[in-house]
Amino acid sequence: MTGRIVIIGNGAIGMTAASELATRATGAEIVIIGPRNRTGGASAAAGAMLGCFGELTKYSLATDAGRRKFVLGLDAQAMWPAHLDHLGDVGGTDPIKTVSDTFVVLNAVGGELDSENFDAMLAGLDEHHGRYEIVDSVPGLDPTPTARPLRSLWLPDEGSIDASQLLASLEASCSRLGVRAVDAEVLELQSTPSWCATTTNGERIEADVFIVATGAWSADLVRTITEDVQPMVSGSGVALVTERVMGDGFNSVVRTANRAGSCGLHVVPLSQGFEYYGATNVIFERPETRAHLGVINFLTDCVINQLDRLAAYSRIDKVVVGNRPVTLDTYPLLGRVEDTPVFMATGTYRDGLHSSPAIAAALRAEILDDEAAFDPVFAPTRRPILEFTRAEAIAEFTHQQVSSAFESGLSLTPFLHAQDLQAVFAPMAESLHDRLPDVVGLHPDLVAFACLSRKDPESVGRIVRHLKGCFT
C-alpha cells in the first residue's frame, strides 16, 4: 500500500499497530498522533499482566460474545514471545522486564463473588486445557491472618511485562521504522473536503486510512463523524509503584480473581526492588487524571492486609492513574466504521495491552491485505451486546455490591444476613431499568456508574437515549 495511514492514540494498541504497519506497509507513510506524556492513558498506568485465564469471571465464557472475546486474548497470548523478539530486533533496546508466572489467591475478605469467579477460572482452565496447579503456599504472600488464602493456584504461562519499558521499546521501534510521531491530541475528524484529522497544535493531517485507538477518549472523537458508535465511559484505576524496604518482596505476579467492579487486587514485580500494586476501578463519565484519597486509602489497606504486611514500610515512588475504555456492553469496538476510511481499535476495558499484538495483526490484515480479520460481533457501529435480562442485571448488580461491601470491610451483626443488604441496592437498579427498554439488562459495571458514581445526570440520559434508539 502507498499513501498515508494515521494512527490516533499512542498507547499499546496504537504503537503496536504503528510498528506492525510500518514493518509491512512498503511505501506507505505511517503517522501516529498522541501526547507524549500520555496523561491518564491506560497503557502508561498499567500493571501489564499478560494473561487471559487470570481475568476470567463467572460470565466471561457464559455467552457467545464472551467466548469470542476470550479467543482474542488467547491469540494474543500466543503472539507475545515473537512480538517481544521483534521489538528487540527492530528497536535495539535493552530486554524488557518480564515476569513468567502468576499466583491467584482466594481469600475470605470479599463476598461470594470471589469464590464464583475463582471457580469460573478453574472451569475455564480445564475447558481450554490451560496449565495450572493448586498450591498450598504462595511465595512472598504474607497477609494478616484473617486474609490468609482459602485456596491458591499457580499459572505458569501467565505473567506480566513492564509497561513503561514496553512503551519505550515500541517508541524506539517506530522511530527506526520511520514512523512520524506528532505530540498532540486530535480535536476532530473531518470528511470534507477530504478526510483529515485536526490537532491541538494546529495541524490538519490528511490520510487514506485513520485508526482511532485513543482508549477512553475514542468514542467522542468518532462521534464527530457518526452518531452510530455507542457512548463510552471511563474505568478509572489507581495503582501504586513502591520501593521495597523490608522483606524479600515478590518474584511472581500475585493476584485475586476479579472482584466487584471488574478488578482484582494484584502485585507485579518490577526491576530493582520496585513493585506495582493495583488496582482499582471506578467508572466515571470522563477520564480522571488525579487519584482520589479514598481510593488510595482502600488500595493501601488491601495491599497491607491481603498481600504483605511488610509492604507498609515500602516507600511510595509514584501514584499512577489510568482510564480503561468501557463501552455500554463492556465489549471492544474493532474494525472499520461503516463505509469510511476510519477504523476503531478500542473499548477493550482491561485487556487492551494484553490484546495489542492480536489487534495490530488484524488491523494490518484488514488495511493492507483487505481481509476480514476482525470478528464482526465487535463491529464499531453495532448495537450493544445484551448478556443479561433485566432481572439478571438487577440481581447481579445487587450481588456484586453486597460483595463489594464486604471487601471494603463491612461487618454485620449476628441478626443480619448478607441477603438483607440486597434491599439497599436492588431499588437503584430497578429504577434505572425502568427508564430502559424491557429487553435491556445493563452490565453491572454500567449500572454501578449510573447509580453510584459521581457523574452529570445528563450522561445517564445519553446512555438511556442511545439504548432506546437501539432497542425500541
Protein backbone atom coordinates (compact mmCIF):
# COMPACT_ATOMS: atom_id res chain seq x y z
CA MET A 1 0.00 0.00 0.00
CA THR A 2 1.08 3.56 -0.71
CA GLY A 3 -0.38 6.67 0.79
CA ARG A 4 -0.67 7.76 4.42
CA ILE A 5 -2.02 5.89 7.46
CA VAL A 6 -2.72 7.98 10.55
CA ILE A 7 -2.98 6.26 13.93
CA ILE A 8 -4.67 8.36 16.60
CA GLY A 9 -3.51 7.24 20.04
CA ASN A 10 -0.04 6.30 21.26
CA GLY A 11 -0.85 3.66 23.86
CA ALA A 12 -0.01 -0.02 23.50
CA ILE A 13 -2.58 -0.69 20.76
CA GLY A 14 -1.73 2.39 18.69
CA MET A 15 2.04 1.98 18.99
CA THR A 16 1.91 -1.75 18.24
CA ALA A 17 -0.27 -1.08 15.19
CA ALA A 18 2.17 1.59 14.01
CA SER A 19 5.12 -0.79 14.36
CA GLU A 20 3.23 -3.60 12.61
CA LEU A 21 2.09 -1.43 9.71
CA ALA A 22 5.47 0.25 9.29
CA THR A 23 7.09 -3.17 9.09
CA ARG A 24 4.67 -4.48 6.44
CA ALA A 25 3.39 -1.44 4.50
CA THR A 26 6.13 -0.84 1.96
CA GLY A 27 5.83 2.65 0.54
CA ALA A 28 3.20 3.92 2.98
CA GLU A 29 3.75 6.83 5.35
CA ILE A 30 2.77 6.00 8.92
CA VAL A 31 1.89 8.84 11.31
CA ILE A 32 0.98 8.38 14.97
CA ILE A 33 -0.66 11.19 16.91
CA GLY A 34 -0.74 11.33 20.70
CA PRO A 35 0.54 13.40 23.62
CA ARG A 36 3.99 12.36 24.70
CA ASN A 37 3.08 12.45 28.41
CA ARG A 38 0.10 10.06 27.95
CA THR A 39 -1.61 11.62 30.99
CA GLY A 40 -4.48 9.40 32.11
CA GLY A 41 -3.80 6.77 29.48
CA ALA A 42 -4.44 3.13 30.36
CA SER A 43 -1.21 1.71 28.92
CA ALA A 44 1.14 4.07 30.76
CA ALA A 45 -0.55 3.23 34.08
CA ALA A 46 -0.98 -0.49 33.51
CA GLY A 47 0.35 -3.30 35.65
CA ALA A 48 0.52 -5.10 32.31
CA MET A 49 -0.42 -8.60 33.34
CA LEU A 50 -0.16 -10.87 30.30
CA GLY A 51 -2.83 -13.47 30.64
CA CYS A 52 -6.39 -14.32 29.86
CA PHE A 53 -7.27 -17.13 32.28
CA GLY A 54 -6.48 -14.94 35.27
CA GLU A 55 -9.09 -12.43 34.06
CA LEU A 56 -11.95 -14.92 33.78
CA THR A 57 -15.15 -14.30 35.70
CA LYS A 58 -18.29 -16.34 36.06
CA TYR A 59 -19.82 -14.72 32.97
CA SER A 60 -16.71 -14.45 30.74
CA LEU A 61 -17.47 -17.70 28.93
CA ALA A 62 -21.21 -17.78 29.52
CA THR A 63 -22.13 -16.15 26.19
CA ASP A 64 -21.07 -16.42 22.57
CA ALA A 65 -19.66 -12.90 22.61
CA GLY A 66 -17.71 -13.63 25.78
CA ARG A 67 -16.16 -16.70 24.23
CA ARG A 68 -15.20 -14.78 21.12
CA LYS A 69 -13.51 -12.11 23.20
CA PHE A 70 -11.65 -14.82 25.10
CA VAL A 71 -10.33 -16.21 21.79
CA LEU A 72 -8.85 -12.77 21.05
CA GLY A 73 -6.97 -12.97 24.35
CA LEU A 74 -5.75 -16.50 23.65
CA ASP A 75 -4.50 -15.44 20.22
CA ALA A 76 -2.63 -12.50 21.77
CA GLN A 77 -1.08 -14.71 24.44
CA ALA A 78 0.47 -16.89 21.74
CA MET A 79 1.86 -13.84 19.90
CA TRP A 80 3.73 -12.18 22.77
CA PRO A 81 7.05 -14.09 22.56
CA ALA A 82 7.50 -13.30 18.85
CA HIS A 83 6.27 -9.75 19.41
CA LEU A 84 8.92 -9.09 22.06
CA ASP A 85 11.62 -10.64 19.88
CA HIS A 86 10.58 -8.36 17.01
CA LEU A 87 10.72 -5.26 19.23
CA GLY A 88 14.18 -6.22 20.42
CA ASP A 89 15.44 -6.76 16.87
CA VAL A 90 13.96 -3.57 15.42
CA GLY A 91 14.11 -1.20 18.37
CA GLY A 92 17.55 -2.17 19.60
CA THR A 93 16.57 -1.51 23.23
CA ASP A 94 17.52 -3.50 26.30
CA PRO A 95 15.38 -6.56 27.09
CA ILE A 96 12.05 -5.67 28.66
CA LYS A 97 11.46 -6.82 32.23
CA THR A 98 9.03 -9.74 32.18
CA VAL A 99 7.60 -12.00 34.88
CA SER A 100 6.79 -15.52 33.79
CA ASP A 101 4.10 -16.73 36.18
CA THR A 102 1.11 -15.77 38.31
CA PHE A 103 -0.39 -16.99 41.57
CA VAL A 104 -4.12 -16.46 42.08
CA VAL A 105 -5.41 -16.46 45.66
CA LEU A 106 -8.92 -16.76 47.03
CA ASN A 107 -9.28 -15.24 50.46
CA ALA A 108 -12.32 -14.53 52.61
CA VAL A 109 -12.06 -10.73 52.52
CA GLY A 110 -14.60 -10.31 49.73
CA GLY A 111 -18.07 -11.71 49.23
CA GLU A 112 -19.37 -14.79 47.46
CA LEU A 113 -18.47 -13.28 44.07
CA ASP A 114 -14.79 -14.04 44.69
CA SER A 115 -15.49 -17.75 45.06
CA GLU A 116 -17.72 -17.77 41.99
CA ASN A 117 -15.06 -16.13 39.83
CA PHE A 118 -12.29 -18.36 41.20
CA ASP A 119 -14.37 -21.43 40.33
CA ALA A 120 -15.05 -20.00 36.87
CA MET A 121 -11.32 -19.57 36.35
CA LEU A 122 -10.72 -23.23 37.18
CA ALA A 123 -13.52 -24.29 34.85
CA GLY A 124 -12.09 -22.17 32.02
CA LEU A 125 -8.62 -23.62 32.54
CA ASP A 126 -9.99 -27.15 32.39
CA GLU A 127 -12.15 -26.45 29.34
CA HIS A 128 -9.33 -24.84 27.34
CA HIS A 129 -6.51 -27.06 28.65
CA GLY A 130 -4.66 -24.25 30.37
CA ARG A 131 -1.80 -25.24 32.65
CA TYR A 132 -2.25 -24.71 36.38
CA GLU A 133 -1.52 -26.26 39.75
CA ILE A 134 -3.39 -25.97 43.03
CA VAL A 135 -0.77 -24.93 45.59
CA ASP A 136 -0.57 -24.76 49.37
CA SER A 137 1.63 -21.66 49.60
CA VAL A 138 2.38 -18.54 47.55
CA PRO A 139 5.94 -17.13 47.56
CA GLY A 140 6.09 -13.66 49.09
CA LEU A 141 2.49 -13.67 50.32
CA ASP A 142 2.24 -12.61 53.98
CA PRO A 143 -1.25 -11.28 54.74
CA THR A 144 -2.87 -10.69 58.09
CA PRO A 145 -4.28 -13.97 59.47
CA THR A 146 -7.88 -13.01 58.68
CA ALA A 147 -6.93 -12.54 54.99
CA ARG A 148 -4.97 -15.76 54.53
CA PRO A 149 -5.82 -17.70 51.35
CA LEU A 150 -8.54 -20.33 51.37
CA ARG A 151 -7.34 -21.65 48.01
CA SER A 152 -4.49 -20.75 45.66
CA LEU A 153 -3.45 -21.76 42.17
CA TRP A 154 -0.35 -21.27 40.05
CA LEU A 155 -0.48 -20.24 36.40
CA PRO A 156 2.96 -20.99 34.89
CA ASP A 157 2.11 -19.46 31.49
CA GLU A 158 0.70 -16.08 32.60
CA GLY A 159 2.93 -13.32 33.90
CA SER A 160 3.49 -9.63 33.26
CA ILE A 161 5.62 -7.09 31.46
CA ASP A 162 6.94 -3.69 32.48
CA ALA A 163 4.55 -1.31 30.70
CA SER A 164 6.90 1.69 30.72
CA GLN A 165 9.69 -0.37 29.17
CA LEU A 166 7.27 -1.77 26.60
CA LEU A 167 6.16 1.70 25.51
CA ALA A 168 9.79 2.87 25.31
CA SER A 169 10.65 -0.14 23.14
CA LEU A 170 7.66 0.50 20.89
CA GLU A 171 8.71 4.14 20.50
CA ALA A 172 12.23 3.07 19.54
CA SER A 173 10.88 0.53 17.07
CA CYS A 174 8.56 3.05 15.44
CA SER A 175 11.32 5.63 15.21
CA ARG A 176 13.68 3.22 13.47
CA LEU A 177 10.92 2.19 11.07
CA GLY A 178 10.33 5.79 10.04
CA VAL A 179 7.02 6.41 11.80
CA ARG A 180 6.31 10.11 12.22
CA ALA A 181 5.21 10.96 15.78
CA VAL A 182 3.06 14.03 16.42
CA ASP A 183 2.95 15.24 20.04
CA ALA A 184 -0.66 16.45 20.09
CA GLU A 185 -4.27 15.42 20.53
CA VAL A 186 -6.86 15.14 17.77
CA LEU A 187 -9.78 17.52 18.14
CA GLU A 188 -11.99 16.06 15.42
CA LEU A 189 -12.15 14.01 12.26
CA GLN A 190 -13.46 15.65 9.11
CA SER A 191 -14.64 14.12 5.86
CA THR A 192 -14.90 17.22 3.67
CA PRO A 193 -13.37 18.47 1.53
CA SER A 194 -11.09 15.48 2.25
CA TRP A 195 -10.61 13.11 5.15
CA CYS A 196 -8.37 14.67 7.77
CA ALA A 197 -7.64 14.97 11.48
CA THR A 198 -7.28 18.39 13.10
CA THR A 199 -4.94 18.53 16.07
CA THR A 200 -4.37 20.71 19.12
CA ASN A 201 -1.12 22.04 17.63
CA GLY A 202 -2.96 23.41 14.60
CA GLU A 203 -2.13 20.73 12.05
CA ARG A 204 -4.64 19.40 9.56
CA ILE A 205 -3.39 15.93 8.67
CA GLU A 206 -4.94 14.21 5.67
CA ALA A 207 -4.73 10.46 5.21
CA ASP A 208 -6.07 7.48 3.27
CA VAL A 209 -6.73 5.49 6.46
CA PHE A 210 -7.30 6.50 10.08
CA ILE A 211 -7.09 4.23 13.12
CA VAL A 212 -8.70 5.52 16.30
CA ALA A 213 -7.03 3.95 19.34
CA THR A 214 -7.40 6.69 21.93
CA GLY A 215 -8.83 4.46 24.65
CA ALA A 216 -11.45 6.12 26.82
CA TRP A 217 -11.39 9.21 24.57
CA SER A 218 -12.21 7.25 21.37
CA ALA A 219 -16.00 7.33 21.13
CA ASP A 220 -16.29 11.10 21.46
CA LEU A 221 -13.79 11.50 18.63
CA VAL A 222 -15.52 9.07 16.27
CA ARG A 223 -18.91 10.56 17.07
CA THR A 224 -17.72 13.69 15.23
CA ILE A 225 -18.35 11.69 12.02
CA THR A 226 -21.18 9.31 13.07
CA GLU A 227 -23.68 9.02 15.91
CA ASP A 228 -23.96 5.26 15.44
CA VAL A 229 -20.99 4.47 17.72
CA GLN A 230 -22.19 3.68 21.22
CA PRO A 231 -21.17 6.05 24.01
CA MET A 232 -18.21 5.11 26.19
CA VAL A 233 -17.32 5.80 29.79
CA SER A 234 -14.03 5.61 31.65
CA GLY A 235 -12.97 2.91 34.10
CA SER A 236 -10.57 4.97 36.20
CA GLY A 237 -7.93 2.93 38.00
CA VAL A 238 -5.34 3.89 40.61
CA ALA A 239 -2.15 1.95 41.36
CA LEU A 240 1.00 2.47 43.42
CA VAL A 241 4.61 1.90 42.45
CA THR A 242 6.65 1.32 45.60
CA GLU A 243 10.23 0.60 46.56
CA ARG A 244 10.75 -2.37 48.86
CA VAL A 245 12.26 -1.51 52.26
CA MET A 246 11.61 -4.62 54.39
CA GLY A 247 11.25 -8.24 53.37
CA ASP A 248 12.13 -10.01 50.14
CA GLY A 249 9.05 -8.98 48.20
CA PHE A 250 7.55 -10.80 45.24
CA ASN A 251 9.11 -12.53 42.23
CA SER A 252 5.83 -13.62 40.64
CA VAL A 253 2.59 -11.84 39.93
CA VAL A 254 0.17 -12.44 42.81
CA ARG A 255 -3.47 -11.53 42.40
CA THR A 256 -7.01 -12.28 43.40
CA ALA A 257 -9.72 -13.18 40.93
CA ASN A 258 -11.63 -10.22 39.53
CA ARG A 259 -13.97 -8.77 42.09
CA ALA A 260 -16.94 -6.42 42.07
CA GLY A 261 -16.28 -3.53 39.73
CA SER A 262 -14.25 -5.77 37.41
CA CYS A 263 -10.87 -5.52 39.06
CA GLY A 264 -8.75 -7.82 41.20
CA LEU A 265 -6.11 -6.90 43.77
CA HIS A 266 -2.60 -7.65 42.45
CA VAL A 267 1.13 -7.08 42.82
CA VAL A 268 3.50 -7.06 39.86
CA PRO A 269 7.28 -7.24 40.48
CA LEU A 270 9.26 -4.57 38.65
CA SER A 271 13.02 -4.06 38.41
CA GLN A 272 15.50 -3.11 41.15
CA GLY A 273 13.25 -3.74 44.15
CA PHE A 274 10.22 -1.86 42.88
CA GLU A 275 6.72 -3.29 42.92
CA TYR A 276 3.44 -2.30 41.29
CA TYR A 277 0.32 -2.61 43.45
CA GLY A 278 -3.07 -2.34 41.80
CA ALA A 279 -5.63 -1.69 41.15
CA THR A 280 -8.99 -0.06 41.47
CA ASN A 281 -11.82 0.56 39.04
CA VAL A 282 -14.39 3.31 39.42
CA ILE A 283 -16.35 4.26 36.32
CA PHE A 284 -16.67 7.96 35.56
CA GLU A 285 -18.23 9.83 32.70
CA ARG A 286 -14.86 11.26 31.61
CA PRO A 287 -11.26 10.14 32.17
CA GLU A 288 -9.76 11.07 35.52
CA THR A 289 -6.14 12.22 35.77
CA ARG A 290 -5.67 12.54 39.54
CA ALA A 291 -6.18 9.95 42.25
CA HIS A 292 -8.87 10.21 44.89
CA LEU A 293 -7.78 9.98 48.54
CA GLY A 294 -10.43 7.42 49.46
CA VAL A 295 -9.41 5.14 46.60
CA ILE A 296 -5.75 5.26 47.66
CA ASN A 297 -6.77 4.51 51.25
CA PHE A 298 -8.77 1.48 50.08
CA LEU A 299 -5.90 0.20 47.92
CA THR A 300 -3.19 0.56 50.58
CA ASP A 301 -5.39 -1.20 53.12
CA CYS A 302 -5.91 -4.10 50.69
CA VAL A 303 -2.19 -4.33 49.91
CA ILE A 304 -1.01 -4.39 53.52
CA ASN A 305 -3.71 -6.69 54.86
CA GLN A 306 -4.17 -9.08 51.95
CA LEU A 307 -0.76 -9.27 50.24
CA ASP A 308 2.14 -8.38 52.53
CA ARG A 309 2.17 -6.76 55.95
CA LEU A 310 5.74 -5.56 55.39
CA ALA A 311 4.57 -3.53 52.38
CA ALA A 312 3.54 -0.96 55.00
CA TYR A 313 7.21 0.02 55.18
CA SER A 314 7.69 0.38 51.41
CA ARG A 315 8.29 3.84 50.01
CA ILE A 316 5.77 5.17 47.51
CA ASP A 317 7.62 6.07 44.34
CA LYS A 318 4.58 7.26 42.40
CA VAL A 319 0.81 7.08 42.17
CA VAL A 320 -0.44 6.19 38.70
CA VAL A 321 -3.89 6.85 37.29
CA GLY A 322 -5.18 5.28 34.10
CA ASN A 323 -8.51 5.14 32.31
CA ARG A 324 -9.87 1.98 30.80
CA PRO A 325 -12.16 2.37 27.77
CA VAL A 326 -15.59 0.97 28.68
CA THR A 327 -18.41 0.55 26.17
CA LEU A 328 -22.05 0.14 27.24
CA ASP A 329 -21.75 -3.63 26.98
CA THR A 330 -18.05 -3.78 28.02
CA TYR A 331 -17.08 -5.38 24.68
CA PRO A 332 -14.49 -3.87 22.30
CA LEU A 333 -15.10 -1.78 19.21
CA LEU A 334 -12.89 -3.27 16.50
CA GLY A 335 -12.85 -2.73 12.75
CA ARG A 336 -14.00 -0.29 10.09
CA VAL A 337 -16.56 2.40 10.90
CA GLU A 338 -19.22 1.79 8.25
CA ASP A 339 -18.18 2.96 4.75
CA THR A 340 -15.42 5.29 5.90
CA PRO A 341 -11.61 5.09 5.95
CA VAL A 342 -11.77 5.10 9.76
CA PHE A 343 -11.03 2.02 11.87
CA MET A 344 -11.59 1.70 15.61
CA ALA A 345 -9.40 -0.29 17.97
CA THR A 346 -10.69 0.47 21.44
CA GLY A 347 -13.27 -0.44 24.09
CA THR A 348 -11.02 -3.23 25.35
CA TYR A 349 -11.69 -2.42 29.03
CA ARG A 350 -8.98 -4.30 30.99
CA ASP A 351 -7.49 -6.22 28.05
CA GLY A 352 -6.05 -3.62 25.71
CA LEU A 353 -2.34 -4.00 26.40
CA HIS A 354 -2.54 -7.79 26.54
CA SER A 355 -4.55 -7.96 23.29
CA SER A 356 -2.47 -5.38 21.41
CA PRO A 357 -0.44 -7.84 19.25
CA ALA A 358 -3.59 -9.58 18.03
CA ILE A 359 -5.43 -6.31 17.37
CA ALA A 360 -2.44 -4.90 15.48
CA ALA A 361 -2.18 -8.04 13.34
CA ALA A 362 -5.88 -7.80 12.47
CA LEU A 363 -5.53 -4.12 11.53
CA ARG A 364 -2.63 -4.98 9.25
CA ALA A 365 -4.68 -7.75 7.58
CA GLU A 366 -7.73 -5.52 7.09
CA ILE A 367 -5.85 -2.45 5.86
CA LEU A 368 -3.01 -3.95 3.85
CA ASP A 369 -4.42 -7.29 2.73
CA ASP A 370 -8.12 -6.37 2.53
CA GLU A 371 -9.00 -9.38 4.71
CA ALA A 372 -11.95 -9.57 7.13
CA ALA A 373 -9.79 -10.16 10.19
CA PHE A 374 -11.93 -8.70 12.99
CA ASP A 375 -14.84 -10.63 14.45
CA PRO A 376 -17.97 -8.83 13.19
CA VAL A 377 -19.64 -9.25 16.58
CA PHE A 378 -17.37 -6.40 17.78
CA ALA A 379 -18.07 -4.03 14.86
CA PRO A 380 -17.88 -0.37 15.94
CA THR A 381 -21.41 0.58 14.88
CA ARG A 382 -23.14 -2.50 16.27
CA ARG A 383 -25.92 -2.39 18.82
CA PRO A 384 -24.75 -3.09 22.38
CA ILE A 385 -24.50 -6.81 23.07
CA LEU A 386 -27.09 -7.91 25.62
CA GLU A 387 -25.73 -10.51 28.05
CA PHE A 388 -28.30 -10.02 30.80
CA THR A 389 -32.04 -9.88 31.04
CA ARG A 390 -33.49 -7.05 33.10
CA ALA A 391 -33.97 -9.38 36.11
CA GLU A 392 -30.47 -10.83 35.77
CA ALA A 393 -28.85 -7.40 35.54
CA ILE A 394 -30.61 -6.16 38.67
CA ALA A 395 -29.75 -9.34 40.58
CA GLU A 396 -26.09 -9.33 39.52
CA PHE A 397 -25.59 -5.64 40.33
CA THR A 398 -27.09 -6.23 43.76
CA HIS A 399 -24.94 -9.32 44.32
CA GLN A 400 -21.77 -7.50 43.32
CA GLN A 401 -22.48 -4.50 45.53
CA VAL A 402 -23.02 -6.76 48.53
CA SER A 403 -19.71 -8.49 47.78
CA SER A 404 -18.04 -5.11 47.41
CA ALA A 405 -19.35 -4.00 50.79
CA PHE A 406 -17.64 -6.95 52.49
CA GLU A 407 -14.46 -6.33 50.50
CA SER A 408 -14.49 -2.79 51.90
CA GLY A 409 -14.62 -4.06 55.48
CA LEU A 410 -18.33 -4.32 56.25
CA SER A 411 -19.14 -6.31 59.40
CA LEU A 412 -22.70 -7.42 60.13
CA THR A 413 -24.27 -8.02 63.50
CA PRO A 414 -25.44 -11.63 64.09
CA PHE A 415 -29.11 -10.86 63.47
CA LEU A 416 -28.43 -9.56 59.94
CA HIS A 417 -27.67 -11.65 56.85
CA ALA A 418 -25.82 -10.65 53.70
CA GLN A 419 -29.05 -11.07 51.76
CA ASP A 420 -30.61 -8.33 53.87
CA LEU A 421 -28.31 -5.85 52.13
CA GLN A 422 -29.91 -6.57 48.77
CA ALA A 423 -32.81 -4.31 49.71
CA VAL A 424 -30.35 -1.39 49.78
CA PHE A 425 -29.10 -1.84 46.22
CA ALA A 426 -31.90 -3.51 44.24
CA PRO A 427 -34.19 -0.44 44.10
CA MET A 428 -31.39 1.61 42.49
CA ALA A 429 -31.02 -0.87 39.64
CA GLU A 430 -34.77 -1.27 39.29
CA SER A 431 -35.27 2.49 38.99
CA LEU A 432 -32.60 2.70 36.28
CA HIS A 433 -34.05 -0.19 34.29
CA ASP A 434 -37.50 1.38 34.46
CA ARG A 435 -36.06 4.01 32.08
CA LEU A 436 -34.69 1.40 29.65
CA PRO A 437 -36.38 -0.81 27.04
CA ASP A 438 -37.73 -4.03 28.56
CA VAL A 439 -35.25 -6.19 26.63
CA VAL A 440 -32.21 -4.39 28.05
CA GLY A 441 -30.31 -5.67 31.06
CA LEU A 442 -27.37 -3.34 31.59
CA HIS A 443 -23.96 -4.73 32.59
CA PRO A 444 -23.44 -4.43 36.39
CA ASP A 445 -20.45 -2.12 35.93
CA LEU A 446 -22.60 0.32 33.94
CA VAL A 447 -25.41 0.05 36.50
CA ALA A 448 -22.88 0.99 39.18
CA PHE A 449 -21.83 4.00 37.13
CA ALA A 450 -25.41 5.16 36.63
CA CYS A 451 -26.49 4.59 40.24
CA LEU A 452 -23.43 5.14 42.42
CA SER A 453 -20.66 7.07 40.66
CA ARG A 454 -20.16 10.82 40.54
CA LYS A 455 -21.45 11.98 37.16
CA ASP A 456 -23.54 14.51 35.31
CA PRO A 457 -27.13 13.21 35.20
CA GLU A 458 -27.19 14.07 31.51
CA SER A 459 -24.57 11.37 30.88
CA VAL A 460 -27.03 8.76 32.14
CA GLY A 461 -29.69 10.33 29.95
CA ARG A 462 -27.39 9.99 26.95
CA ILE A 463 -26.96 6.28 27.67
CA VAL A 464 -30.70 5.82 28.11
CA ARG A 465 -31.42 7.58 24.81
CA HIS A 466 -28.85 5.50 22.95
CA LEU A 467 -30.27 2.23 24.26
CA LYS A 468 -33.82 3.32 23.44
CA GLY A 469 -32.70 4.18 19.94
CA CYS A 470 -31.17 0.72 19.52
CA PHE A 471 -33.90 -1.43 21.08
CA THR A 472 -37.25 0.32 20.59
